[in-house]
PDB file of N, CA and C in Angstrom:
ATOM      1  N   MET A   1     -29.158  -5.613  24.773  1.00  0.00           N
ATOM      2  CA  MET A   1     -27.590  -6.666  24.528  1.00  0.00           C
ATOM      3  C   MET A   1     -26.559  -5.876  24.834  1.00  0.00           C
ATOM      4  N   ASN A   2     -25.807  -6.260  25.404  1.00  0.00           N
ATOM      5  CA  ASN A   2     -24.414  -5.151  25.506  1.00  0.00           C
ATOM      6  C   ASN A   2     -23.679  -5.174  23.881  1.00  0.00           C
ATOM      7  N   ASN A   3     -23.116  -5.188  23.737  1.00  0.00           N
ATOM      8  CA  ASN A   3     -22.414  -5.143  22.163  1.00  0.00           C
ATOM      9  C   ASN A   3     -21.100  -4.790  22.474  1.00  0.00           C
ATOM     10  N   SER A   4     -20.777  -3.789  23.339  1.00  0.00           N
ATOM     11  CA  SER A   4     -19.316  -3.637  23.360  1.00  0.00           C
ATOM     12  C   SER A   4     -18.318  -4.668  23.794  1.00  0.00           C
ATOM     13  N   GLY A   5     -18.247  -5.712  24.545  1.00  0.00           N
ATOM     14  CA  GLY A   5     -17.497  -7.282  24.187  1.00  0.00           C
ATOM     15  C   GLY A   5     -17.411  -7.669  23.463  1.00  0.00           C
ATOM     16  N   GLN A   6     -18.235  -7.423  21.996  1.00  0.00           N
ATOM     17  CA  GLN A   6     -17.646  -8.238  20.441  1.00  0.00           C
ATOM     18  C   GLN A   6     -17.219  -7.289  19.744  1.00  0.00           C
ATOM     19  N   MET A   7     -16.370  -6.247  20.139  1.00  0.00           N
ATOM     20  CA  MET A   7     -15.791  -5.310  19.146  1.00  0.00           C
ATOM     21  C   MET A   7     -14.072  -5.913  19.231  1.00  0.00           C
ATOM     22  N   VAL A   8     -13.618  -5.966  18.493  1.00  0.00           N
ATOM     23  CA  VAL A   8     -11.942  -6.299  18.463  1.00  0.00           C
ATOM     24  C   VAL A   8     -11.797  -4.825  18.896  1.00  0.00           C
ATOM     25  N   GLY A   9     -10.619  -4.455  20.306  1.00  0.00           N
ATOM     26  CA  GLY A   9     -10.105  -3.021  20.504  1.00  0.00           C
ATOM     27  C   GLY A   9      -8.918  -3.001  19.542  1.00  0.00           C
ATOM     28  N   PRO A  10      -8.935  -1.643  20.373  1.00  0.00           N
ATOM     29  CA  PRO A  10      -7.125  -1.111  19.481  1.00  0.00           C
ATOM     30  C   PRO A  10      -6.002  -2.248  19.706  1.00  0.00           C
ATOM     31  N   VAL A  11      -6.353  -2.831  21.343  1.00  0.00           N
ATOM     32  CA  VAL A  11      -4.695  -3.485  21.343  1.00  0.00           C
ATOM     33  C   VAL A  11      -5.014  -4.798  20.451  1.00  0.00           C
ATOM     34  N   GLY A  12      -6.264  -5.113  20.275  1.00  0.00           N
ATOM     35  CA  GLY A  12      -6.285  -6.506  19.969  1.00  0.00           C
ATOM     36  C   GLY A  12      -6.098  -6.286  18.112  1.00  0.00           C
ATOM     37  N   ALA A  13      -6.244  -5.214  17.644  1.00  0.00           N
ATOM     38  CA  ALA A  13      -5.990  -4.586  16.203  1.00  0.00           C
ATOM     39  C   ALA A  13      -4.446  -4.852  16.142  1.00  0.00           C
ATOM     40  N   ILE A  14      -3.986  -4.044  16.902  1.00  0.00           N
ATOM     41  CA  ILE A  14      -2.371  -4.017  16.602  1.00  0.00           C
ATOM     42  C   ILE A  14      -1.608  -5.341  16.516  1.00  0.00           C
ATOM     43  N   ILE A  15      -2.278  -6.037  17.436  1.00  0.00           N
ATOM     44  CA  ILE A  15      -1.524  -7.765  18.147  1.00  0.00           C
ATOM     45  C   ILE A  15      -1.946  -8.524  16.925  1.00  0.00           C
ATOM     46  N   LEU A  16      -3.031  -8.407  16.054  1.00  0.00           N
ATOM     47  CA  LEU A  16      -3.442  -9.175  15.079  1.00  0.00           C
ATOM     48  C   LEU A  16      -2.412  -8.681  13.714  1.00  0.00           C
ATOM     49  N   PHE A  17      -2.104  -7.126  13.942  1.00  0.00           N
ATOM     50  CA  PHE A  17      -1.465  -6.119  12.597  1.00  0.00           C
ATOM     51  C   PHE A  17      -0.594  -6.917  13.016  1.00  0.00           C
ATOM     52  N   LEU A  18       0.445  -7.202  13.829  1.00  0.00           N
ATOM     53  CA  LEU A  18       1.372  -7.679  14.137  1.00  0.00           C
ATOM     54  C   LEU A  18       2.036  -8.838  13.696  1.00  0.00           C
ATOM     55  N   ILE A  19       1.102  -9.664  14.151  1.00  0.00           N
ATOM     56  CA  ILE A  19       1.041 -11.692  14.256  1.00  0.00           C
ATOM     57  C   ILE A  19       1.266 -11.720  12.140  1.00  0.00           C
ATOM     58  N   PHE A  20       0.311 -10.764  11.616  1.00  0.00           N
ATOM     59  CA  PHE A  20       0.415 -10.979  10.051  1.00  0.00           C
ATOM     60  C   PHE A  20       1.760 -10.152   9.776  1.00  0.00           C
ATOM     61  N   ILE A  21       1.968  -9.409   9.949  1.00  0.00           N
ATOM     62  CA  ILE A  21       3.379  -8.786   9.588  1.00  0.00           C
ATOM     63  C   ILE A  21       4.424  -9.716   9.719  1.00  0.00           C
ATOM     64  N   ILE A  22       4.773 -10.030  10.846  1.00  0.00           N
ATOM     65  CA  ILE A  22       5.797 -11.458  11.485  1.00  0.00           C
ATOM     66  C   ILE A  22       5.690 -12.327  10.074  1.00  0.00           C
ATOM     67  N   ASN A  23       4.256 -13.021   9.928  1.00  0.00           N
ATOM     68  CA  ASN A  23       4.071 -13.938   9.375  1.00  0.00           C
ATOM     69  C   ASN A  23       4.661 -13.640   7.831  1.00  0.00           C
ATOM     70  N   TRP A  24       4.067 -12.385   7.144  1.00  0.00           N
ATOM     71  CA  TRP A  24       4.720 -12.192   6.279  1.00  0.00           C
ATOM     72  C   TRP A  24       6.300 -11.689   5.988  1.00  0.00           C
ATOM     73  N   PHE A  25       7.042 -11.294   7.304  1.00  0.00           N
ATOM     74  CA  PHE A  25       8.236 -11.095   6.648  1.00  0.00           C
ATOM     75  C   PHE A  25       9.075 -12.682   6.503  1.00  0.00           C
ATOM     76  N   VAL A  26       8.153 -13.696   7.588  1.00  0.00           N
ATOM     77  CA  VAL A  26       9.038 -14.809   7.826  1.00  0.00           C
ATOM     78  C   VAL A  26       9.095 -15.814   6.769  1.00  0.00           C
ATOM     79  N   TRP A  27       7.421 -15.892   6.170  1.00  0.00           N
ATOM     80  CA  TRP A  27       7.100 -16.875   5.182  1.00  0.00           C
ATOM     81  C   TRP A  27       6.535 -16.439   3.949  1.00  0.00           C
ATOM     82  N   LEU A  28       5.098 -15.665   4.313  1.00  0.00           N
ATOM     83  CA  LEU A  28       4.877 -15.438   2.797  1.00  0.00           C
ATOM     84  C   LEU A  28       5.255 -14.473   1.940  1.00  0.00           C
ATOM     85  N   GLY A  29       6.017 -13.306   2.812  1.00  0.00           N
ATOM     86  CA  GLY A  29       6.353 -12.453   1.487  1.00  0.00           C
ATOM     87  C   GLY A  29       7.342 -13.147   0.609  1.00  0.00           C
ATOM     88  N   SER A  30       8.133 -13.983   0.602  1.00  0.00           N
ATOM     89  CA  SER A  30       8.760 -14.863   0.097  1.00  0.00           C
ATOM     90  C   SER A  30       8.165 -16.052  -0.516  1.00  0.00           C
ATOM     91  N   TRP A  31       7.047 -16.475  -0.351  1.00  0.00           N
ATOM     92  CA  TRP A  31       6.048 -17.138  -1.378  1.00  0.00           C
ATOM     93  C   TRP A  31       5.662 -16.632  -2.245  1.00  0.00           C
ATOM     94  N   ILE A  32       4.990 -15.037  -1.750  1.00  0.00           N
ATOM     95  CA  ILE A  32       4.485 -14.568  -2.968  1.00  0.00           C
ATOM     96  C   ILE A  32       5.160 -14.155  -3.561  1.00  0.00           C
ATOM     97  N   ASN A  33       6.537 -13.536  -3.511  1.00  0.00           N
ATOM     98  CA  ASN A  33       7.104 -13.644  -4.396  1.00  0.00           C
ATOM     99  C   ASN A  33       8.029 -14.544  -5.658  1.00  0.00           C
ATOM    100  N   ILE A  34       8.091 -15.590  -4.958  1.00  0.00           N
ATOM    101  CA  ILE A  34       7.936 -16.869  -6.328  1.00  0.00           C
ATOM    102  C   ILE A  34       6.646 -16.673  -6.885  1.00  0.00           C
ATOM    103  N   VAL A  35       5.295 -17.076  -6.490  1.00  0.00           N
ATOM    104  CA  VAL A  35       4.611 -17.122  -6.978  1.00  0.00           C
ATOM    105  C   VAL A  35       4.238 -16.371  -8.086  1.00  0.00           C
ATOM    106  N   GLY A  36       3.977 -14.746  -7.968  1.00  0.00           N
ATOM    107  CA  GLY A  36       4.614 -14.031  -8.774  1.00  0.00           C
ATOM    108  C   GLY A  36       5.577 -13.834  -9.943  1.00  0.00           C
ATOM    109  N   ASP A  37       6.588 -14.102  -9.309  1.00  0.00           N
ATOM    110  CA  ASP A  37       7.578 -14.306 -10.322  1.00  0.00           C
ATOM    111  C   ASP A  37       7.470 -15.728 -11.071  1.00  0.00           C
ATOM    112  N   THR A  38       6.900 -16.599 -10.327  1.00  0.00           N
ATOM    113  CA  THR A  38       6.487 -17.744 -11.486  1.00  0.00           C
ATOM    114  C   THR A  38       5.115 -17.421 -12.880  1.00  0.00           C
ATOM    115  N   MET A  39       4.415 -16.405 -12.073  1.00  0.00           N
ATOM    116  CA  MET A  39       3.185 -16.039 -13.002  1.00  0.00           C
ATOM    117  C   MET A  39       3.629 -15.156 -14.025  1.00  0.00           C
ATOM    118  N   VAL A  40       4.465 -14.390 -14.134  1.00  0.00           N
ATOM    119  CA  VAL A  40       4.729 -13.522 -14.899  1.00  0.00           C
ATOM    120  C   VAL A  40       5.771 -14.172 -15.688  1.00  0.00           C
ATOM    121  N   THR A  41       6.721 -15.112 -15.294  1.00  0.00           N
ATOM    122  CA  THR A  41       7.367 -15.806 -16.297  1.00  0.00           C
ATOM    123  C   THR A  41       7.244 -16.926 -17.167  1.00  0.00           C
ATOM    124  N   THR A  42       5.903 -17.621 -16.668  1.00  0.00           N
ATOM    125  CA  THR A  42       5.621 -18.961 -17.280  1.00  0.00           C
ATOM    126  C   THR A  42       4.154 -18.746 -17.780  1.00  0.00           C
ATOM    127  N   ASN A  43       3.269 -17.636 -17.945  1.00  0.00           N
ATOM    128  CA  ASN A  43       2.353 -16.875 -18.245  1.00  0.00           C
ATOM    129  C   ASN A  43       2.517 -16.097 -19.424  1.00  0.00           C
ATOM    130  N   SER A  44       1.155 -15.876 -20.529  1.00  0.00           N
ATOM    131  CA  SER A  44       1.241 -14.775 -21.140  1.00  0.00           C
ATOM    132  C   SER A  44       0.316 -13.565 -20.564  1.00  0.00           C
ATOM    133  N   LEU A  45       1.005 -12.670 -19.726  1.00  0.00           N
ATOM    134  CA  LEU A  45       0.222 -11.805 -19.097  1.00  0.00           C
ATOM    135  C   LEU A  45       0.512 -10.652 -19.913  1.00  0.00           C
ATOM    136  N   THR A  46      -0.829  -9.979 -20.211  1.00  0.00           N
ATOM    137  CA  THR A  46      -0.357  -8.176 -19.882  1.00  0.00           C
ATOM    138  C   THR A  46      -0.038  -7.556 -19.532  1.00  0.00           C
ATOM    139  N   GLY A  47       0.568  -5.852 -19.809  1.00  0.00           N
ATOM    140  CA  GLY A  47       1.598  -5.214 -19.268  1.00  0.00           C
ATOM    141  C   GLY A  47       1.009  -5.079 -17.662  1.00  0.00           C
ATOM    142  N   VAL A  48      -0.052  -4.722 -17.743  1.00  0.00           N
ATOM    143  CA  VAL A  48      -1.402  -4.312 -16.070  1.00  0.00           C
ATOM    144  C   VAL A  48      -1.248  -5.867 -15.310  1.00  0.00           C
ATOM    145  N   GLU A  49      -1.436  -6.964 -16.009  1.00  0.00           N
ATOM    146  CA  GLU A  49      -1.550  -7.970 -14.959  1.00  0.00           C
ATOM    147  C   GLU A  49       0.292  -8.439 -14.164  1.00  0.00           C
ATOM    148  N   ALA A  50       1.126  -7.955 -15.819  1.00  0.00           N
ATOM    149  CA  ALA A  50       2.689  -8.289 -15.177  1.00  0.00           C
ATOM    150  C   ALA A  50       3.038  -7.922 -13.748  1.00  0.00           C
ATOM    151  N   PHE A  51       2.278  -6.320 -13.984  1.00  0.00           N
ATOM    152  CA  PHE A  51       3.447  -5.329 -13.113  1.00  0.00           C
ATOM    153  C   PHE A  51       2.432  -5.459 -11.740  1.00  0.00           C
ATOM    154  N   PHE A  52       1.096  -6.181 -11.893  1.00  0.00           N
ATOM    155  CA  PHE A  52       0.548  -5.975 -10.829  1.00  0.00           C
ATOM    156  C   PHE A  52       1.038  -7.503  -9.825  1.00  0.00           C
ATOM    157  N   PHE A  53       1.438  -8.883 -10.360  1.00  0.00           N
ATOM    158  CA  PHE A  53       2.122  -9.865 -10.363  1.00  0.00           C
ATOM    159  C   PHE A  53       3.582  -9.649  -9.920  1.00  0.00           C
ATOM    160  N   ALA A  54       4.126  -8.630 -10.379  1.00  0.00           N
ATOM    161  CA  ALA A  54       5.578  -8.539  -9.766  1.00  0.00           C
ATOM    162  C   ALA A  54       5.802  -7.610  -8.817  1.00  0.00           C
ATOM    163  N   ASN A  55       4.596  -7.075  -8.232  1.00  0.00           N
ATOM    164  CA  ASN A  55       4.845  -5.842  -7.747  1.00  0.00           C
ATOM    165  C   ASN A  55       3.546  -6.036  -6.111  1.00  0.00           C
ATOM    166  N   LEU A  56       3.863  -7.601  -6.175  1.00  0.00           N
ATOM    167  CA  LEU A  56       2.491  -8.122  -5.130  1.00  0.00           C
ATOM    168  C   LEU A  56       1.999  -7.689  -3.967  1.00  0.00           C
ATOM    169  N   ASN A  57       3.665  -7.522  -3.386  1.00  0.00           N
ATOM    170  CA  ASN A  57       3.971  -7.746  -2.106  1.00  0.00           C
ATOM    171  C   ASN A  57       4.084  -5.943  -1.641  1.00  0.00           C
ATOM    172  N   PHE A  58       3.996  -5.376  -2.631  1.00  0.00           N
ATOM    173  CA  PHE A  58       3.802  -4.063  -2.535  1.00  0.00           C
ATOM    174  C   PHE A  58       2.101  -3.496  -2.282  1.00  0.00           C
ATOM    175  N   PHE A  59       1.466  -4.054  -3.374  1.00  0.00           N
ATOM    176  CA  PHE A  59       0.335  -4.096  -3.589  1.00  0.00           C
ATOM    177  C   PHE A  59      -0.417  -4.425  -1.285  1.00  0.00           C
ATOM    178  N   ILE A  60       0.200  -5.878  -1.486  1.00  0.00           N
ATOM    179  CA  ILE A  60      -0.340  -5.898   0.236  1.00  0.00           C
ATOM    180  C   ILE A  60      -0.032  -5.548   0.575  1.00  0.00           C
ATOM    181  N   MET A  61       1.140  -4.782   1.274  1.00  0.00           N
ATOM    182  CA  MET A  61       1.534  -3.626   1.964  1.00  0.00           C
ATOM    183  C   MET A  61       0.507  -2.576   1.807  1.00  0.00           C
ATOM    184  N   ILE A  62       0.285  -2.110   0.952  1.00  0.00           N
ATOM    185  CA  ILE A  62      -0.808  -0.908   0.883  1.00  0.00           C
ATOM    186  C   ILE A  62      -2.025  -1.146   1.488  1.00  0.00           C
ATOM    187  N   CYS A  63      -2.674  -2.963   0.915  1.00  0.00           N
ATOM    188  CA  CYS A  63      -3.752  -2.715   1.541  1.00  0.00           C
ATOM    189  C   CYS A  63      -4.127  -2.959   2.653  1.00  0.00           C
ATOM    190  N   ILE A  64      -2.596  -3.754   3.344  1.00  0.00           N
ATOM    191  CA  ILE A  64      -2.582  -3.689   4.622  1.00  0.00           C
ATOM    192  C   ILE A  64      -2.836  -1.933   5.668  1.00  0.00           C
ATOM    193  N   PHE A  65      -2.322  -1.183   5.028  1.00  0.00           N
ATOM    194  CA  PHE A  65      -1.869  -0.025   5.319  1.00  0.00           C
ATOM    195  C   PHE A  65      -3.495   1.015   5.635  1.00  0.00           C
ATOM    196  N   LEU A  66      -4.180   0.372   4.156  1.00  0.00           N
ATOM    197  CA  LEU A  66      -5.478   1.061   4.048  1.00  0.00           C
ATOM    198  C   LEU A  66      -6.629   0.264   5.130  1.00  0.00           C
ATOM    199  N   GLY A  67      -6.696  -0.955   5.115  1.00  0.00           N
ATOM    200  CA  GLY A  67      -7.074  -1.647   6.255  1.00  0.00           C
ATOM    201  C   GLY A  67      -7.268  -1.084   7.723  1.00  0.00           C
ATOM    202  N   MET A  68      -5.835  -0.812   8.271  1.00  0.00           N
ATOM    203  CA  MET A  68      -5.528  -0.303   9.372  1.00  0.00           C
ATOM    204  C   MET A  68      -6.449   1.291   9.324  1.00  0.00           C
ATOM    205  N   LEU A  69      -6.104   1.811   8.390  1.00  0.00           N
ATOM    206  CA  LEU A  69      -6.538   3.389   8.280  1.00  0.00           C
ATOM    207  C   LEU A  69      -8.083   2.954   8.608  1.00  0.00           C
ATOM    208  N   GLY A  70      -9.294   2.423   7.486  1.00  0.00           N
ATOM    209  CA  GLY A  70     -10.168   1.815   7.599  1.00  0.00           C
ATOM    210  C   GLY A  70     -10.480   1.464   9.288  1.00  0.00           C
ATOM    211  N   PHE A  71      -9.530   0.382   9.747  1.00  0.00           N
ATOM    212  CA  PHE A  71     -10.342   0.282  10.654  1.00  0.00           C
ATOM    213  C   PHE A  71     -10.116   1.361  12.495  1.00  0.00           C
ATOM    214  N   MET A  72      -9.261   2.094  11.778  1.00  0.00           N
ATOM    215  CA  MET A  72      -9.218   3.140  12.763  1.00  0.00           C
ATOM    216  C   MET A  72     -10.219   4.285  12.680  1.00  0.00           C
ATOM    217  N   TYR A  73     -10.651   4.659  11.318  1.00  0.00           N
ATOM    218  CA  TYR A  73     -11.624   4.888  11.262  1.00  0.00           C
ATOM    219  C   TYR A  73     -12.894   4.615  11.338  1.00  0.00           C
ATOM    220  N   PHE A  74     -13.869   3.546  11.250  1.00  0.00           N
ATOM    221  CA  PHE A  74     -14.852   3.129  11.597  1.00  0.00           C
ATOM    222  C   PHE A  74     -15.060   2.849  12.901  1.00  0.00           C
ATOM    223  N   ALA A  75     -13.666   2.385  14.076  1.00  0.00           N
ATOM    224  CA  ALA A  75     -13.769   1.821  15.031  1.00  0.00           C
ATOM    225  C   ALA A  75     -13.383   2.894  16.061  1.00  0.00           C
ATOM    226  N   ARG A  76     -14.076   3.901  15.635  1.00  0.00           N
ATOM    227  CA  ARG A  76     -14.111   4.871  16.915  1.00  0.00           C
ATOM    228  C   ARG A  76     -15.108   5.203  17.788  1.00  0.00           C
ATOM    229  N   GLY A  77     -16.055   4.390  17.105  1.00  0.00           N
ATOM    230  CA  GLY A  77     -17.419   4.210  18.002  1.00  0.00           C
ATOM    231  C   GLY A  77     -18.192   6.253  18.019  1.00  0.00           C
ATOM    232  N   GLU A  78     -18.160   6.796  17.186  1.00  0.00           N
ATOM    233  CA  GLU A  78     -19.174   7.547  16.424  1.00  0.00           C
ATOM    234  C   GLU A  78     -20.072   7.668  16.038  1.00  0.00           C
TER     235      GLU A  78
END
C-alpha cells in the first residue's frame, strides 16, 4: 500500500499553522486571556497554578513552537 499520500506535507503543515495563529490572534488569544484572568481572580490557586493561568498564551506559543519543531524532525522521512 502506498502511504506517501497519507501524510501532511510541509506546505499543509505551514497552512494549518498559519490558520491556527490567525485564529489565535483574532479570537482565541483574548478569550484565553479572559479565562486565565477569571481563574486567577475567582479561585484560590497556588502560586504555580496562578502563574500558569496568568501566562497561558505564552505557554501555548511555546507548545506551538515545540510542535512545529517536532513535526519537522519526525516528518523528515528518514
